[in-house]
Amino acid sequence: MARQNFGGFGGGANMQQLMRQAQKMQQQLQEAQEQLDAAEYEATSGGGMVTVKVTGKHELTSITIDPQVVDPDDIEMLQDLIMAAVNEALRKGEEAREASMSRMAPGLGGMGGLF
């Protein structure tokens, strides 16, 4: 009976090399995840009247409000400006995360969650 070659997966040395590569990739992904979690993203709304900062872990770390935007008769506008700035900062963080992960492992999306 002929021995089949399954794309290099039959030999022990090739399997060990594949496992080392997978472990290295997993370590790189972990390091990238930690860097993304520690990163800070800033966004503004209202032409700079409200500025917020969030971390890659989606934690709000800072809100700066220009005193000119504080109008006791229009609290809703201030709330909207804060919400818009926070959502934009979170969106920036998520875009950075997606871009980083796709650079690190461009084919992982189609591997059924192997990693």
N, C-alpha and C. Protein backbone atom coordinates (compact mmCIF):
# COMPACT_ATOMS: atom_id res chain seq x y z
N MET A 1 0.83 -1.17 0.00
CA MET A 1 0.00 0.00 0.00
C MET A 1 0.89 1.25 0.00
N ALA A 2 0.54 2.23 -0.79
CA ALA A 2 1.34 3.45 -0.88
C ALA A 2 1.07 4.34 0.33
N ARG A 3 2.12 4.94 0.81
CA ARG A 3 2.01 5.86 1.96
C ARG A 3 1.60 7.23 1.44
N GLN A 4 0.57 7.80 2.02
CA GLN A 4 0.09 9.11 1.56
C GLN A 4 0.80 10.21 2.32
N ASN A 5 1.07 11.29 1.61
CA ASN A 5 1.68 12.47 2.22
C ASN A 5 0.60 13.53 2.36
N PHE A 6 0.29 13.91 3.56
CA PHE A 6 -0.77 14.89 3.83
C PHE A 6 -0.17 16.28 4.01
N GLY A 7 0.48 16.78 2.98
CA GLY A 7 0.98 18.16 3.02
C GLY A 7 2.02 18.39 4.09
N GLY A 8 2.83 17.39 4.41
CA GLY A 8 3.89 17.59 5.39
C GLY A 8 3.47 17.36 6.82
N PHE A 9 2.25 16.94 7.05
CA PHE A 9 1.79 16.74 8.42
C PHE A 9 2.08 15.33 8.93
N GLY A 10 2.64 14.47 8.08
CA GLY A 10 2.87 13.09 8.48
C GLY A 10 4.10 12.91 9.34
N GLY A 11 5.14 13.71 9.16
CA GLY A 11 6.39 13.52 9.90
C GLY A 11 6.37 14.17 11.26
N GLY A 12 7.04 13.52 12.23
CA GLY A 12 7.09 14.06 13.59
C GLY A 12 7.80 15.39 13.66
N ALA A 13 8.91 15.52 12.88
CA ALA A 13 9.67 16.78 12.91
C ALA A 13 8.84 17.92 12.36
N ASN A 14 8.08 17.66 11.30
CA ASN A 14 7.23 18.70 10.73
C ASN A 14 6.12 19.11 11.70
N MET A 15 5.58 18.15 12.41
CA MET A 15 4.52 18.44 13.39
C MET A 15 5.08 19.28 14.54
N GLN A 16 6.29 18.95 14.98
CA GLN A 16 6.91 19.73 16.05
C GLN A 16 7.16 21.16 15.60
N GLN A 17 7.61 21.31 14.37
CA GLN A 17 7.85 22.65 13.84
C GLN A 17 6.54 23.43 13.75
N LEU A 18 5.50 22.77 13.29
CA LEU A 18 4.18 23.40 13.21
C LEU A 18 3.69 23.83 14.60
N MET A 19 3.90 22.99 15.59
CA MET A 19 3.48 23.33 16.96
C MET A 19 4.28 24.52 17.49
N ARG A 20 5.59 24.56 17.21
CA ARG A 20 6.40 25.70 17.66
C ARG A 20 5.93 26.99 16.99
N GLN A 21 5.60 26.90 15.70
CA GLN A 21 5.11 28.08 15.00
C GLN A 21 3.77 28.55 15.59
N ALA A 22 2.91 27.61 15.90
CA ALA A 22 1.61 27.95 16.49
C ALA A 22 1.79 28.59 17.86
N GLN A 23 2.72 28.07 18.67
CA GLN A 23 2.97 28.64 19.99
C GLN A 23 3.55 30.05 19.87
N LYS A 24 4.44 30.24 18.89
CA LYS A 24 5.03 31.56 18.68
C LYS A 24 3.94 32.56 18.26
N MET A 25 3.06 32.13 17.36
CA MET A 25 1.98 33.00 16.92
C MET A 25 1.05 33.34 18.08
N GLN A 26 0.76 32.37 18.90
CA GLN A 26 -0.11 32.60 20.06
C GLN A 26 0.54 33.61 21.01
N GLN A 27 1.84 33.50 21.22
CA GLN A 27 2.55 34.44 22.08
C GLN A 27 2.52 35.84 21.49
N GLN A 28 2.72 35.95 20.18
CA GLN A 28 2.67 37.26 19.53
C GLN A 28 1.28 37.87 19.63
N LEU A 29 0.26 37.06 19.47
CA LEU A 29 -1.11 37.56 19.59
C LEU A 29 -1.40 38.03 21.01
N GLN A 30 -0.89 37.31 22.01
CA GLN A 30 -1.07 37.70 23.41
C GLN A 30 -0.39 39.04 23.68
N GLU A 31 0.83 39.20 23.16
CA GLU A 31 1.55 40.45 23.35
C GLU A 31 0.83 41.61 22.67
N ALA A 32 0.31 41.37 21.47
CA ALA A 32 -0.45 42.41 20.77
C ALA A 32 -1.70 42.77 21.55
N GLN A 33 -2.37 41.77 22.12
CA GLN A 33 -3.57 42.01 22.92
C GLN A 33 -3.25 42.89 24.13
N GLU A 34 -2.14 42.61 24.79
CA GLU A 34 -1.75 43.40 25.96
C GLU A 34 -1.43 44.84 25.57
N GLN A 35 -0.76 45.02 24.43
CA GLN A 35 -0.46 46.38 23.97
C GLN A 35 -1.74 47.13 23.63
N LEU A 36 -2.67 46.46 22.97
CA LEU A 36 -3.93 47.10 22.62
C LEU A 36 -4.73 47.46 23.87
N ASP A 37 -4.73 46.60 24.86
CA ASP A 37 -5.44 46.88 26.11
C ASP A 37 -4.87 48.09 26.82
N ALA A 38 -3.54 48.28 26.73
CA ALA A 38 -2.88 49.39 27.41
C ALA A 38 -2.96 50.70 26.63
N ALA A 39 -3.27 50.63 25.34
CA ALA A 39 -3.31 51.84 24.52
C ALA A 39 -4.44 52.76 24.95
N GLU A 40 -4.28 54.04 24.66
CA GLU A 40 -5.30 55.02 25.00
C GLU A 40 -5.77 55.71 23.72
N TYR A 41 -7.06 55.92 23.62
CA TYR A 41 -7.67 56.53 22.43
C TYR A 41 -8.44 57.77 22.86
N GLU A 42 -8.31 58.83 22.08
CA GLU A 42 -8.94 60.10 22.40
C GLU A 42 -9.87 60.52 21.27
N ALA A 43 -10.97 61.13 21.64
CA ALA A 43 -11.90 61.66 20.65
C ALA A 43 -12.55 62.91 21.22
N THR A 44 -13.03 63.75 20.30
CA THR A 44 -13.70 64.99 20.69
C THR A 44 -15.05 65.08 20.01
N SER A 45 -15.89 65.94 20.52
CA SER A 45 -17.16 66.26 19.87
C SER A 45 -17.44 67.74 20.12
N GLY A 46 -18.40 68.24 19.37
CA GLY A 46 -18.76 69.65 19.53
C GLY A 46 -17.62 70.58 19.16
N GLY A 47 -16.84 70.20 18.16
CA GLY A 47 -15.71 71.05 17.75
C GLY A 47 -14.66 71.18 18.83
N GLY A 48 -14.48 70.15 19.62
CA GLY A 48 -13.47 70.16 20.67
C GLY A 48 -13.99 70.60 22.03
N MET A 49 -15.29 70.80 22.13
CA MET A 49 -15.86 71.23 23.40
C MET A 49 -15.83 70.12 24.45
N VAL A 50 -15.90 68.87 23.99
CA VAL A 50 -15.83 67.72 24.88
C VAL A 50 -14.73 66.79 24.35
N THR A 51 -13.82 66.41 25.23
CA THR A 51 -12.74 65.48 24.87
C THR A 51 -12.76 64.34 25.87
N VAL A 52 -12.67 63.12 25.35
CA VAL A 52 -12.63 61.95 26.22
C VAL A 52 -11.46 61.07 25.83
N LYS A 53 -11.01 60.28 26.80
CA LYS A 53 -9.98 59.28 26.56
C LYS A 53 -10.47 57.95 27.12
N VAL A 54 -10.23 56.88 26.35
CA VAL A 54 -10.57 55.53 26.78
C VAL A 54 -9.37 54.64 26.55
N THR A 55 -9.33 53.52 27.28
CA THR A 55 -8.28 52.54 27.07
C THR A 55 -8.77 51.49 26.09
N GLY A 56 -7.84 50.65 25.66
CA GLY A 56 -8.20 49.54 24.79
C GLY A 56 -9.10 48.54 25.48
N LYS A 57 -9.20 48.61 26.79
CA LYS A 57 -10.11 47.74 27.55
C LYS A 57 -11.49 48.37 27.70
N HIS A 58 -11.74 49.44 26.98
CA HIS A 58 -13.02 50.15 26.99
C HIS A 58 -13.30 50.82 28.33
N GLU A 59 -12.26 51.28 28.99
CA GLU A 59 -12.43 52.01 30.25
C GLU A 59 -12.26 53.50 29.99
N LEU A 60 -13.22 54.28 30.41
CA LEU A 60 -13.16 55.73 30.28
C LEU A 60 -12.17 56.25 31.32
N THR A 61 -11.13 56.97 30.86
CA THR A 61 -10.11 57.44 31.80
C THR A 61 -10.13 58.95 31.99
N SER A 62 -10.73 59.69 31.06
CA SER A 62 -10.70 61.14 31.18
C SER A 62 -11.85 61.77 30.39
N ILE A 63 -12.44 62.80 30.99
CA ILE A 63 -13.43 63.63 30.29
C ILE A 63 -13.04 65.08 30.56
N THR A 64 -12.92 65.86 29.49
CA THR A 64 -12.64 67.28 29.61
C THR A 64 -13.77 68.02 28.92
N ILE A 65 -14.38 68.96 29.65
CA ILE A 65 -15.52 69.72 29.12
C ILE A 65 -15.17 71.20 29.16
N ASP A 66 -15.28 71.83 28.01
CA ASP A 66 -15.05 73.27 27.93
C ASP A 66 -16.20 73.95 28.69
N PRO A 67 -15.89 74.86 29.62
CA PRO A 67 -16.94 75.51 30.41
C PRO A 67 -17.99 76.22 29.56
N GLN A 68 -17.65 76.64 28.36
CA GLN A 68 -18.61 77.34 27.51
C GLN A 68 -19.77 76.45 27.10
N VAL A 69 -19.57 75.13 27.11
CA VAL A 69 -20.63 74.23 26.67
C VAL A 69 -21.59 73.88 27.80
N VAL A 70 -21.26 74.27 29.02
CA VAL A 70 -22.11 73.96 30.16
C VAL A 70 -23.22 75.00 30.26
N ASP A 71 -24.39 74.58 29.86
CA ASP A 71 -25.57 75.45 29.87
C ASP A 71 -26.63 74.74 30.71
N PRO A 72 -26.95 75.26 31.89
CA PRO A 72 -27.94 74.60 32.75
C PRO A 72 -29.30 74.42 32.08
N ASP A 73 -29.57 75.22 31.07
CA ASP A 73 -30.85 75.11 30.38
C ASP A 73 -30.81 74.09 29.24
N ASP A 74 -29.63 73.53 28.96
CA ASP A 74 -29.51 72.57 27.85
C ASP A 74 -28.57 71.43 28.23
N ILE A 75 -28.91 70.72 29.27
CA ILE A 75 -28.12 69.58 29.74
C ILE A 75 -28.11 68.47 28.69
N GLU A 76 -29.20 68.34 27.95
CA GLU A 76 -29.27 67.28 26.94
C GLU A 76 -28.18 67.43 25.89
N MET A 77 -27.86 68.66 25.49
CA MET A 77 -26.80 68.87 24.50
C MET A 77 -25.46 68.39 25.06
N LEU A 78 -25.17 68.70 26.29
CA LEU A 78 -23.92 68.26 26.91
C LEU A 78 -23.87 66.74 27.00
N GLN A 79 -24.97 66.14 27.38
CA GLN A 79 -25.02 64.68 27.44
C GLN A 79 -24.77 64.07 26.07
N ASP A 80 -25.35 64.65 25.03
CA ASP A 80 -25.16 64.16 23.67
C ASP A 80 -23.69 64.29 23.23
N LEU A 81 -23.07 65.42 23.57
CA LEU A 81 -21.67 65.64 23.21
C LEU A 81 -20.76 64.62 23.90
N ILE A 82 -21.04 64.35 25.16
CA ILE A 82 -20.24 63.37 25.90
C ILE A 82 -20.43 61.98 25.29
N MET A 83 -21.65 61.62 25.02
CA MET A 83 -21.93 60.30 24.45
C MET A 83 -21.26 60.16 23.08
N ALA A 84 -21.33 61.19 22.26
CA ALA A 84 -20.72 61.13 20.92
C ALA A 84 -19.20 60.97 21.02
N ALA A 85 -18.59 61.70 21.93
CA ALA A 85 -17.13 61.61 22.07
C ALA A 85 -16.71 60.24 22.60
N VAL A 86 -17.43 59.72 23.59
CA VAL A 86 -17.11 58.40 24.14
C VAL A 86 -17.27 57.33 23.06
N ASN A 87 -18.36 57.36 22.33
CA ASN A 87 -18.58 56.36 21.29
C ASN A 87 -17.51 56.43 20.20
N GLU A 88 -17.09 57.63 19.85
CA GLU A 88 -16.04 57.78 18.84
C GLU A 88 -14.70 57.23 19.35
N ALA A 89 -14.37 57.50 20.59
CA ALA A 89 -13.12 56.98 21.16
C ALA A 89 -13.14 55.45 21.21
N LEU A 90 -14.27 54.89 21.60
CA LEU A 90 -14.40 53.43 21.63
C LEU A 90 -14.29 52.84 20.22
N ARG A 91 -14.87 53.52 19.24
CA ARG A 91 -14.80 53.06 17.86
C ARG A 91 -13.34 53.07 17.37
N LYS A 92 -12.60 54.13 17.71
CA LYS A 92 -11.19 54.20 17.33
C LYS A 92 -10.40 53.04 17.93
N GLY A 93 -10.67 52.75 19.17
CA GLY A 93 -9.99 51.64 19.83
C GLY A 93 -10.30 50.31 19.17
N GLU A 94 -11.56 50.11 18.81
CA GLU A 94 -11.95 48.86 18.17
C GLU A 94 -11.35 48.74 16.78
N GLU A 95 -11.29 49.83 16.05
CA GLU A 95 -10.66 49.80 14.73
C GLU A 95 -9.17 49.47 14.84
N ALA A 96 -8.51 50.04 15.83
CA ALA A 96 -7.09 49.74 16.04
C ALA A 96 -6.89 48.27 16.39
N ARG A 97 -7.77 47.73 17.21
CA ARG A 97 -7.69 46.32 17.60
C ARG A 97 -7.88 45.42 16.37
N GLU A 98 -8.89 45.71 15.57
CA GLU A 98 -9.15 44.89 14.39
C GLU A 98 -8.00 44.96 13.40
N ALA A 99 -7.46 46.16 13.19
CA ALA A 99 -6.34 46.31 12.25
C ALA A 99 -5.11 45.56 12.74
N SER A 100 -4.84 45.64 14.03
CA SER A 100 -3.68 44.95 14.59
C SER A 100 -3.83 43.44 14.49
N MET A 101 -4.99 42.94 14.83
CA MET A 101 -5.20 41.49 14.79
C MET A 101 -5.16 40.97 13.35
N SER A 102 -5.67 41.74 12.39
CA SER A 102 -5.65 41.26 11.01
C SER A 102 -4.23 41.29 10.46
N ARG A 103 -3.38 42.19 10.94
CA ARG A 103 -1.97 42.19 10.53
C ARG A 103 -1.23 41.01 11.14
N MET A 104 -1.57 40.69 12.38
CA MET A 104 -0.87 39.61 13.08
C MET A 104 -1.25 38.25 12.52
N ALA A 105 -2.50 38.06 12.21
CA ALA A 105 -2.99 36.74 11.78
C ALA A 105 -4.05 36.92 10.71
N PRO A 106 -3.65 37.27 9.48
CA PRO A 106 -4.64 37.59 8.46
C PRO A 106 -5.56 36.44 8.09
N GLY A 107 -5.16 35.21 8.26
CA GLY A 107 -6.01 34.09 7.86
C GLY A 107 -6.79 33.47 8.98
N LEU A 108 -6.67 33.96 10.20
CA LEU A 108 -7.32 33.29 11.32
C LEU A 108 -8.83 33.41 11.29
N GLY A 109 -9.34 34.41 10.64
CA GLY A 109 -10.79 34.55 10.61
C GLY A 109 -11.49 33.36 9.99
N GLY A 110 -10.84 32.69 9.04
CA GLY A 110 -11.44 31.56 8.37
C GLY A 110 -11.01 30.22 8.91
N MET A 111 -10.35 30.18 10.07
CA MET A 111 -9.86 28.91 10.60
C MET A 111 -10.76 28.35 11.69
N GLY A 112 -11.96 28.83 11.76
CA GLY A 112 -12.92 28.27 12.69
C GLY A 112 -12.56 28.45 14.15
N GLY A 113 -11.89 29.56 14.49
CA GLY A 113 -11.55 29.81 15.89
C GLY A 113 -10.46 28.91 16.43
N LEU A 114 -9.58 28.43 15.57
CA LEU A 114 -8.50 27.56 16.01
C LEU A 114 -7.64 28.23 17.06
N PHE A 115 -7.44 29.53 16.91
CA PHE A 115 -6.58 30.26 17.86
C PHE A 115 -7.40 31.24 18.65
